[in-house]
Protein backbone atom coordinates (compact mmCIF):
# COMPACT_ATOMS: atom_id res chain seq x y z
CA MET A 1 16.82 13.19 -9.03
CA ASN A 2 16.66 11.62 -5.56
CA ASN A 3 16.17 7.98 -4.63
CA LEU A 4 12.79 7.68 -2.96
CA VAL A 5 11.26 5.42 -0.30
CA VAL A 6 7.49 4.99 -0.34
CA VAL A 7 5.96 3.77 2.93
CA GLY A 8 2.47 3.45 4.31
CA CYS A 9 1.94 5.61 7.39
CA GLN A 10 -1.17 3.85 8.73
CA TRP A 11 -2.03 0.12 9.00
CA GLY A 12 -1.43 -0.65 5.34
CA ASP A 13 -3.96 -0.54 2.47
CA GLU A 14 -3.22 3.18 1.98
CA GLY A 15 -2.99 2.91 -1.80
CA LYS A 16 0.78 2.42 -2.08
CA GLY A 17 0.36 0.26 -5.17
CA LYS A 18 -1.17 3.01 -7.26
CA LEU A 19 1.37 5.56 -6.03
CA VAL A 20 4.37 3.31 -6.65
CA ASP A 21 2.98 2.49 -10.09
CA TYR A 22 2.57 6.22 -10.80
CA LEU A 23 5.97 7.20 -9.42
CA GLY A 24 7.58 4.18 -11.05
CA ASP A 25 7.23 5.98 -14.36
CA LYS A 26 9.80 8.50 -13.06
CA ALA A 27 12.22 5.85 -11.70
CA ASP A 28 14.56 3.38 -13.35
CA ILE A 29 14.53 0.68 -10.66
CA ILE A 30 11.77 -0.34 -8.23
CA VAL A 31 12.79 -2.35 -5.17
CA ARG A 32 10.50 -4.22 -2.76
CA PHE A 33 12.43 -4.34 0.53
CA GLN A 34 10.33 -6.20 3.15
CA GLY A 35 7.23 -8.29 3.82
CA GLY A 36 5.87 -11.21 1.89
CA ASN A 37 2.71 -12.19 0.06
CA ASN A 38 0.68 -11.10 3.08
CA ALA A 39 0.57 -7.62 1.58
CA GLY A 40 -1.28 -6.61 -1.54
CA HIS A 41 -1.54 -3.81 -4.06
CA THR A 42 -4.45 -3.22 -6.41
CA ILE A 43 -3.64 -1.16 -9.50
CA VAL A 44 -6.29 -0.02 -11.97
CA THR A 45 -5.16 0.68 -15.54
CA GLY A 46 -8.02 1.44 -17.89
CA ASP A 47 -10.28 -1.61 -17.85
CA LYS A 48 -7.62 -3.85 -16.30
CA ILE A 49 -7.21 -4.52 -12.58
CA PHE A 50 -3.86 -5.90 -11.42
CA LYS A 51 -3.51 -7.46 -7.97
CA LEU A 52 0.08 -7.78 -6.75
CA SER A 53 1.35 -9.41 -3.56
CA LEU A 54 5.06 -10.03 -4.08
CA LEU A 55 6.06 -8.35 -7.30
CA PRO A 56 7.04 -4.68 -7.10
CA SER A 57 4.43 -2.42 -8.67
CA GLY A 58 6.97 -1.28 -11.25
CA ILE A 59 6.60 -4.63 -13.00
CA LEU A 60 3.63 -3.14 -14.86
CA ARG A 61 5.80 -0.45 -16.46
CA ASP A 62 7.84 -1.03 -19.61
CA ASN A 63 11.62 -0.73 -19.46
CA LYS A 64 11.78 -0.74 -15.67
CA LEU A 65 13.83 -3.09 -13.51
CA SER A 66 11.91 -4.59 -10.58
CA ILE A 67 13.79 -6.13 -7.66
CA ILE A 68 12.69 -8.28 -4.73
CA GLY A 69 15.21 -7.52 -2.00
CA ASN A 70 16.69 -9.69 0.73
CA GLY A 71 14.38 -8.17 3.35
CA VAL A 72 11.43 -10.00 1.81
CA VAL A 73 10.39 -13.55 2.72
CA LEU A 74 9.50 -15.29 -0.53
CA ASP A 75 6.92 -18.00 -1.21
CA PRO A 76 8.19 -19.53 -4.50
CA TRP A 77 4.81 -21.04 -5.40
CA ALA A 78 2.94 -17.82 -4.69
CA LEU A 79 5.41 -15.91 -6.86
CA LYS A 80 5.00 -18.33 -9.76
CA LYS A 81 1.22 -18.03 -9.52
CA GLU A 82 1.48 -14.24 -9.55
CA ILE A 83 3.85 -14.18 -12.51
CA ASP A 84 1.63 -16.61 -14.46
CA SER A 85 -1.38 -14.41 -13.72
CA LEU A 86 0.32 -11.26 -14.98
CA GLU A 87 1.64 -12.98 -18.09
CA ASN A 88 -1.92 -14.04 -18.87
CA LEU A 89 -2.78 -10.33 -18.79
CA GLY A 90 0.00 -9.52 -21.26
CA ILE A 91 2.80 -8.52 -18.86
CA LYS A 92 6.12 -10.08 -19.92
CA ILE A 93 8.44 -11.04 -17.06
CA SER A 94 12.04 -12.21 -17.39
CA LYS A 95 15.40 -11.57 -15.74
CA LYS A 96 15.60 -8.41 -17.84
CA ASN A 97 12.88 -6.79 -15.74
CA LEU A 98 12.86 -8.88 -12.53
CA MET A 99 15.67 -9.78 -10.15
CA ILE A 100 15.43 -11.53 -6.79
CA ALA A 101 18.10 -11.28 -4.11
CA GLU A 102 19.94 -14.59 -3.86
CA ASN A 103 19.98 -14.28 -0.06
CA VAL A 104 16.21 -13.92 0.29
CA SER A 105 14.65 -16.36 2.78
CA LEU A 106 11.98 -18.75 1.49
CA ILE A 107 8.53 -19.48 2.87
CA LEU A 108 8.00 -23.25 2.91
CA PRO A 109 4.85 -25.38 3.40
CA PHE A 110 5.44 -25.95 7.11
CA HIS A 111 5.64 -22.20 7.73
CA LYS A 112 2.13 -21.76 6.39
CA GLU A 113 0.72 -24.68 8.36
CA LEU A 114 2.29 -23.42 11.59
CA ASP A 115 0.93 -19.92 10.98
CA LYS A 116 -2.64 -21.21 10.61
CA LEU A 117 -2.35 -23.62 13.57
CA ARG A 118 -1.29 -20.84 15.91
CA GLU A 119 -4.20 -18.63 14.88
CA GLU A 120 -6.70 -21.47 15.29
CA ILE A 121 -5.46 -22.30 18.78
CA ALA A 122 -5.36 -18.62 19.83
CA GLY A 123 -9.11 -18.34 19.20
CA GLY A 124 -10.35 -14.99 20.50
CA LYS A 125 -6.79 -13.84 21.17
CA LYS A 126 -5.56 -14.33 17.62
CA ILE A 127 -3.26 -11.77 16.02
CA GLY A 128 -5.18 -11.69 12.73
CA THR A 129 -2.43 -12.93 10.41
CA THR A 130 -3.09 -13.87 6.80
CA GLY A 131 -1.92 -17.44 7.41
CA ARG A 132 0.65 -17.11 4.62
CA GLY A 133 3.60 -18.24 6.76
CA ILE A 134 5.29 -14.86 6.97
CA GLY A 135 5.82 -14.82 10.74
CA PRO A 136 7.29 -18.33 11.01
CA ALA A 137 9.56 -17.63 8.01
CA TYR A 138 10.96 -14.50 9.66
CA GLU A 139 11.39 -16.49 12.89
CA ASP A 140 13.53 -19.01 10.98
CA LYS A 141 15.52 -16.18 9.45
CA VAL A 142 16.55 -14.70 12.80
CA GLY A 143 16.83 -18.22 14.24
CA ARG A 144 19.46 -18.97 11.54
CA ARG A 145 17.62 -21.95 10.11
CA SER A 146 16.20 -20.44 6.89
CA VAL A 147 16.39 -21.94 3.46
CA ARG A 148 17.52 -19.18 1.12
CA LEU A 149 17.13 -18.83 -2.63
CA SER A 150 20.83 -19.49 -3.31
CA ASP A 151 20.54 -22.83 -1.46
CA LEU A 152 18.41 -24.23 -4.28
CA ASN A 153 21.49 -24.46 -6.49
CA ASN A 154 23.21 -26.93 -4.14
CA PRO A 155 21.19 -30.11 -3.38
CA GLU A 156 23.50 -31.24 -0.57
CA LEU A 157 23.43 -27.84 1.14
CA LEU A 158 19.67 -27.61 0.64
CA ARG A 159 19.18 -30.93 2.39
CA GLU A 160 21.33 -29.75 5.31
CA ARG A 161 19.31 -26.53 5.59
CA LEU A 162 16.03 -28.43 5.55
CA GLU A 163 17.25 -30.89 8.16
CA ARG A 164 18.16 -28.01 10.47
CA SER A 165 14.85 -26.23 9.92
CA LEU A 166 12.70 -29.35 10.28
CA ALA A 167 14.53 -30.42 13.44
CA HIS A 168 12.80 -27.37 14.92
CA HIS A 169 9.47 -27.46 13.09
CA ASN A 170 8.74 -31.16 13.47
CA ILE A 171 8.91 -30.81 17.25
CA LEU A 172 6.22 -28.11 16.96
CA MET A 173 4.11 -30.21 14.59
CA LYS A 174 4.29 -33.16 16.96
CA GLY A 175 3.23 -30.92 19.83
CA TYR A 176 0.22 -29.73 17.83
CA GLY A 177 -0.71 -33.33 17.03
CA LYS A 178 0.16 -32.96 13.34
CA SER A 179 2.20 -35.14 11.00
CA GLU A 180 5.92 -34.47 10.76
CA TYR A 181 7.39 -33.15 7.51
CA SER A 182 9.79 -35.22 5.45
CA VAL A 183 13.02 -33.59 4.31
CA PHE A 184 12.79 -35.66 1.12
CA GLU A 185 9.25 -34.49 0.29
CA VAL A 186 9.97 -30.79 0.93
CA GLN A 187 13.18 -30.97 -1.11
CA LYS A 188 11.28 -32.67 -3.93
CA LYS A 189 8.75 -29.80 -4.02
CA LEU A 190 11.57 -27.26 -4.09
CA ASP A 191 13.36 -29.16 -6.86
CA GLU A 192 10.19 -28.94 -8.97
CA ILE A 193 10.11 -25.13 -8.78
CA SER A 194 13.83 -24.46 -8.47
CA HIS A 195 14.47 -23.96 -12.19
CA PHE A 196 11.69 -21.40 -12.48
CA ILE A 197 12.63 -19.35 -9.43
CA SER A 198 16.43 -19.58 -9.66
CA LYS A 199 16.57 -17.90 -13.06
CA PHE A 200 15.74 -14.59 -11.32
CA SER A 201 18.38 -15.05 -8.59
CA THR A 202 20.95 -12.24 -8.45
CA CYS A 203 23.45 -10.70 -6.06
CA VAL A 204 21.16 -7.70 -5.68
CA TRP A 205 23.29 -5.68 -3.27
CA GLN A 206 26.16 -5.77 -5.76
CA GLU A 207 23.86 -4.92 -8.65
CA LEU A 208 22.50 -1.87 -6.82
CA ASN A 209 25.96 -0.59 -5.88
CA GLN A 210 27.48 -0.57 -9.36
CA ASP A 211 28.80 2.75 -10.62
CA LYS A 212 26.31 2.75 -13.49
CA ILE A 213 23.45 2.71 -10.96
CA LYS A 214 24.59 6.03 -9.50
CA ASP A 215 23.07 7.78 -12.52
CA GLN A 216 19.76 5.94 -12.16
CA THR A 217 16.83 6.59 -9.84
CA ILE A 218 15.68 3.95 -7.37
CA LEU A 219 12.20 3.74 -5.91
CA PHE A 220 11.97 1.65 -2.74
CA GLU A 221 8.56 0.11 -2.09
CA GLY A 222 7.45 -1.03 1.35
CA ALA A 223 4.61 -3.39 2.19
CA GLN A 224 1.98 -3.14 4.94
CA GLY A 225 2.05 0.08 6.97
CA SER A 226 4.15 1.74 9.65
CA LEU A 227 1.66 0.90 12.40
CA LEU A 228 2.34 -2.78 11.68
CA ASP A 229 6.09 -2.42 12.24
CA VAL A 230 7.32 -5.18 14.56
CA ASP A 231 9.05 -2.63 16.82
CA PHE A 232 6.96 0.54 16.54
CA GLY A 233 3.54 -0.76 15.54
CA THR A 234 0.55 -1.72 17.68
CA TYR A 235 2.36 -4.75 19.13
CA PRO A 236 1.57 -7.66 19.20
CA TYR A 237 -0.97 -6.95 16.42
CA VAL A 238 1.79 -6.30 13.91
CA THR A 239 3.61 -7.95 11.04
CA SER A 240 6.95 -9.73 11.51
CA SER A 241 9.25 -7.27 9.76
CA ASN A 242 10.32 -3.65 10.04
CA THR A 243 8.04 -1.66 7.77
CA LEU A 244 9.63 1.76 8.35
CA ALA A 245 11.67 3.63 5.75
CA PRO A 246 15.14 2.83 7.21
CA ALA A 247 14.47 -0.85 6.43
CA ALA A 248 14.86 0.02 2.73
CA SER A 249 18.63 0.02 3.12
CA ILE A 250 18.89 -3.21 5.11
CA GLY A 251 16.31 -4.97 2.94
CA SER A 252 18.11 -4.23 -0.33
CA GLY A 253 21.81 -3.71 0.36
CA VAL A 254 21.85 -0.06 -0.67
CA SER A 255 23.73 2.34 1.61
CA ALA A 256 21.42 4.42 3.83
CA LYS A 257 23.06 7.60 2.53
CA GLU A 258 21.73 6.79 -0.95
CA VAL A 259 18.13 7.04 0.27
CA LYS A 260 17.31 10.73 -0.10
CA THR A 261 13.55 11.23 0.25
CA VAL A 262 10.67 9.53 2.10
CA LEU A 263 7.09 9.76 0.88
CA GLY A 264 4.43 8.69 3.37
CA ILE A 265 1.17 7.34 1.95
CA VAL A 266 -2.00 8.02 3.96
CA LYS A 267 -5.69 7.59 3.30
CA ALA A 268 -7.98 10.57 3.79
CA TYR A 269 -9.55 8.43 6.53
CA SER A 270 -8.34 5.33 8.42
CA THR A 271 -8.73 1.58 7.84
CA ARG A 272 -7.35 -1.55 9.43
CA VAL A 273 -7.55 -5.26 8.56
CA GLY A 274 -7.39 -7.78 11.38
CA GLU A 275 -7.18 -7.44 15.13
CA GLY A 276 -5.68 -4.74 17.31
CA PRO A 277 -6.24 -1.17 18.56
CA PHE A 278 -8.04 1.29 16.30
CA PRO A 279 -8.83 4.50 18.24
CA THR A 280 -10.99 6.21 15.59
CA GLU A 281 -12.91 3.14 14.39
CA LEU A 282 -16.56 3.73 13.48
CA ILE A 283 -18.56 0.67 14.57
CA ASN A 284 -22.22 0.26 13.57
CA ASP A 285 -22.08 3.76 12.14
CA GLN A 286 -23.48 5.25 8.92
CA VAL A 287 -20.26 7.08 8.10
CA GLY A 288 -18.27 3.89 8.70
CA ASP A 289 -20.61 2.06 6.33
CA HIS A 290 -20.16 4.85 3.75
CA LEU A 291 -16.36 4.60 3.92
CA SER A 292 -16.50 0.82 3.63
CA SER A 293 -18.88 0.65 0.68
CA VAL A 294 -17.74 3.68 -1.34
CA GLY A 295 -14.08 2.93 -0.64
CA HIS A 296 -14.51 -0.78 -1.52
CA GLU A 297 -12.67 -1.61 1.67
CA LYS A 298 -11.70 -5.23 1.36
CA GLY A 299 -8.15 -6.56 1.75
CA THR A 300 -6.36 -7.20 -1.56
CA VAL A 301 -4.79 -10.45 -0.34
CA THR A 302 -7.45 -11.99 1.90
CA GLY A 303 -10.67 -10.27 0.88
CA ARG A 304 -11.36 -9.51 4.54
CA ASP A 305 -13.48 -6.45 5.35
CA ARG A 306 -11.40 -3.51 6.48
CA ARG A 307 -12.41 -1.72 9.65
CA CYS A 308 -13.03 1.97 8.91
CA GLY A 309 -12.72 5.19 10.90
CA TRP A 310 -11.83 8.87 10.92
CA PHE A 311 -8.38 10.17 9.98
CA ASP A 312 -6.01 9.81 12.96
CA ALA A 313 -3.51 12.68 12.72
CA ALA A 314 -1.90 11.79 16.05
CA LEU A 315 -0.93 8.38 14.72
CA VAL A 316 0.16 9.67 11.32
CA LYS A 317 2.30 12.38 12.91
CA GLN A 318 3.90 9.64 14.99
CA THR A 319 4.71 7.51 11.94
CA CYS A 320 5.86 10.51 9.88
CA THR A 321 8.39 11.24 12.64
CA LEU A 322 9.58 7.62 12.81
CA ASN A 323 9.97 7.38 9.03
CA GLY A 324 11.50 10.81 8.52
CA VAL A 325 8.72 11.60 6.05
CA ASP A 326 9.40 14.60 3.79
CA GLY A 327 5.91 14.77 2.32
CA ILE A 328 2.69 12.78 2.23
CA ALA A 329 0.53 11.40 -0.54
CA LEU A 330 -3.15 11.60 0.42
CA THR A 331 -5.31 8.90 -1.19
CA LYS A 332 -9.04 8.23 -1.54
CA LEU A 333 -10.09 11.84 -1.04
CA ASP A 334 -13.04 11.13 -3.32
CA VAL A 335 -14.48 8.60 -0.85
CA LEU A 336 -15.34 11.53 1.46
CA ASP A 337 -17.53 13.20 -1.19
CA GLY A 338 -21.04 13.86 0.13
CA LEU A 339 -20.30 13.60 3.85
CA LYS A 340 -21.73 16.57 5.78
CA GLU A 341 -19.10 16.50 8.48
CA LEU A 342 -15.52 15.24 8.78
CA LYS A 343 -13.37 14.60 11.82
CA ILE A 344 -9.63 14.50 12.42
CA CYS A 345 -8.25 12.95 15.59
CA ILE A 346 -5.55 15.18 17.12
CA GLY A 347 -4.83 13.20 20.29
CA TYR A 348 -6.27 10.95 22.98
CA ASN A 349 -7.76 11.14 26.44
CA ILE A 350 -6.59 8.12 28.46
CA ASN A 351 -7.51 8.02 32.15
CA ASN A 352 -8.05 11.81 32.06
CA LYS A 353 -4.55 12.40 30.68
CA PHE A 354 -3.84 13.86 27.22
CA TYR A 355 -1.62 11.89 24.85
CA ASN A 356 -0.44 13.20 21.46
CA TYR A 357 0.77 9.70 20.52
CA LEU A 358 -0.40 6.11 20.90
CA PRO A 359 1.20 4.53 23.99
CA SER A 360 2.84 1.16 23.44
CA SER A 361 0.97 -0.38 26.38
CA ILE A 362 -1.87 -2.42 24.91
CA ASP A 363 -3.75 -2.02 28.22
CA LEU A 364 -3.80 1.78 27.85
CA ALA A 365 -4.84 1.46 24.21
CA LYS A 366 -8.08 -0.19 25.35
CA LYS A 367 -9.06 2.95 27.30
CA ILE A 368 -8.55 5.51 24.54
CA GLU A 369 -11.01 8.31 23.90
CA PRO A 370 -10.08 10.12 20.66
CA ILE A 371 -10.11 13.93 20.65
CA TYR A 372 -11.47 15.34 17.40
CA GLU A 373 -11.45 18.53 15.38
CA VAL A 374 -14.57 18.83 13.21
CA PHE A 375 -14.67 20.12 9.61
CA LYS A 376 -17.39 20.80 7.07
CA GLY A 377 -17.72 18.32 4.24
CA TRP A 378 -18.51 18.96 0.56
CA ASN A 379 -21.16 17.85 -1.90
CA GLU A 380 -19.17 18.33 -5.11
CA SER A 381 -17.46 15.34 -6.71
CA THR A 382 -13.67 15.13 -6.49
CA VAL A 383 -13.46 11.97 -8.62
CA GLY A 384 -10.80 12.35 -11.30
CA VAL A 385 -9.80 15.90 -10.33
CA THR A 386 -6.19 16.54 -11.36
CA SER A 387 -5.55 20.10 -10.11
CA LEU A 388 -5.87 21.74 -6.70
CA GLU A 389 -7.85 24.64 -8.12
CA ARG A 390 -10.70 22.32 -9.11
CA LEU A 391 -11.12 20.83 -5.65
CA PRO A 392 -14.02 22.04 -3.48
CA LYS A 393 -13.07 24.77 -1.00
CA ASN A 394 -13.88 22.54 1.98
CA ALA A 395 -11.77 19.71 0.55
CA ILE A 396 -8.78 22.07 0.35
CA SER A 397 -9.41 23.15 3.95
CA TYR A 398 -9.49 19.49 5.03
CA ILE A 399 -6.19 18.77 3.27
CA LYS A 400 -4.55 21.81 4.87
CA ALA A 401 -5.78 20.68 8.29
CA ILE A 402 -4.18 17.29 7.75
CA GLU A 403 -0.91 18.90 6.66
CA LYS A 404 -0.88 21.07 9.78
CA SER A 405 -1.79 18.20 12.11
CA VAL A 406 0.83 15.72 10.82
CA GLY A 407 3.55 18.31 10.22
CA CYS A 408 4.18 17.37 6.58
CA PRO A 409 3.10 18.92 3.27
CA ALA A 410 0.96 17.01 0.79
CA PHE A 411 3.10 16.26 -2.27
CA ILE A 412 0.41 14.18 -4.01
CA ILE A 413 -3.37 13.80 -3.78
CA SER A 414 -5.18 10.84 -5.33
CA THR A 415 -8.79 11.29 -6.42
CA SER A 416 -9.77 7.82 -7.71
CA PRO A 417 -8.32 4.32 -8.11
CA ASP A 418 -7.24 5.08 -11.69
CA ARG A 419 -3.49 5.53 -12.11
CA ASP A 420 -3.86 8.91 -13.87
CA ASP A 421 -6.22 10.60 -11.39
CA ILE A 422 -3.48 12.39 -9.46
CA ILE A 423 -2.84 15.91 -8.23
CA GLU A 424 0.92 16.32 -8.07
CA VAL A 425 1.65 19.34 -5.90
CA GLN A 426 5.37 18.55 -5.81
CA ASN A 427 7.45 15.89 -7.51
CA PRO A 428 8.93 13.93 -4.58
CA PHE A 429 11.94 12.97 -6.68
CA GLU A 430 12.93 16.61 -7.07
CA ARG A 431 12.62 18.08 -3.59
């Protein structure tokens, strides 16, 4: 079997959690390789609903090893809250099924305050962050002033790291008219949680490169979506990490040649949380309202309403190319049930010029006119369908049109939030 990377090919919220949970049953190890607790997965199992932000989705499966890789920025208090919540629901978590890279960078209280302050001051020009401190934590990482998980084991080194970081952050706090942070107080807070978090600390890159691992299957789980990638997303309305499939290697310590297959997750329509370009958005529109209400389109982490629109094949083809996607998983097909007409965007008209991709210039993005192909909808229910043959004829035509437009076959089709309502056309581990 092949090692597999699962990435979102839109703006996040594509249903990666359910798919990673489903595919996790076929893997031995599940690795989260980037992002922080600004991303969320909702997984429905029977009458239980699990909401995950930091923990890999594989944590819900028995006898699986879940790993938080070095590419993640980790809020220790958010992780503890998430673990406590899952344990209250009967999920047992220990170092036997959870490891955290010792070189992961930590999100600290001043990161979160700075994140919120910047958004407040930006006003109408805000980026639309979650305010969880992810951006400032990544800034510290590349600025070489991060506190890392391994630092918690050495009080003297921890103090030095905090002094370096706060020499930077306290200047910013003073400029914003806020109180400076005390090295002593921050270290005290970290000391209080250090025992809990450090027990999961591991040299993950070494663990994943052992000979015994060669016979096991690894599933790499990304957060957010490709269109939020800091380099290739709709900049500056992006996250602060690389969300594309190649980041799986850097964010975990596994050689790139060990990553064999990429599965791109896409919704049967489009959604976006927060600010930024959205060419196919349906504003004050009955279909947009249908997608929002039937699809329960609220962010897992923040509860913010997701903006809704038609499927954008031009954008998905772009992200499939960037990720090297081998096949897609199409989610929320059932949300389209009952719509008379469906549209797929195949490109854009910008200043009377055709574009088959989204230009990086934010100024051009404001002038986009999407170009659509129109398809007939279906009245039959697709909820819970688990075979292609049982899908309505028009639903199959719609899926084939998406495959043609994005240049990738559909390996998997999801027909409800439930983990078992899956049409598996091809096992992505066995391509």
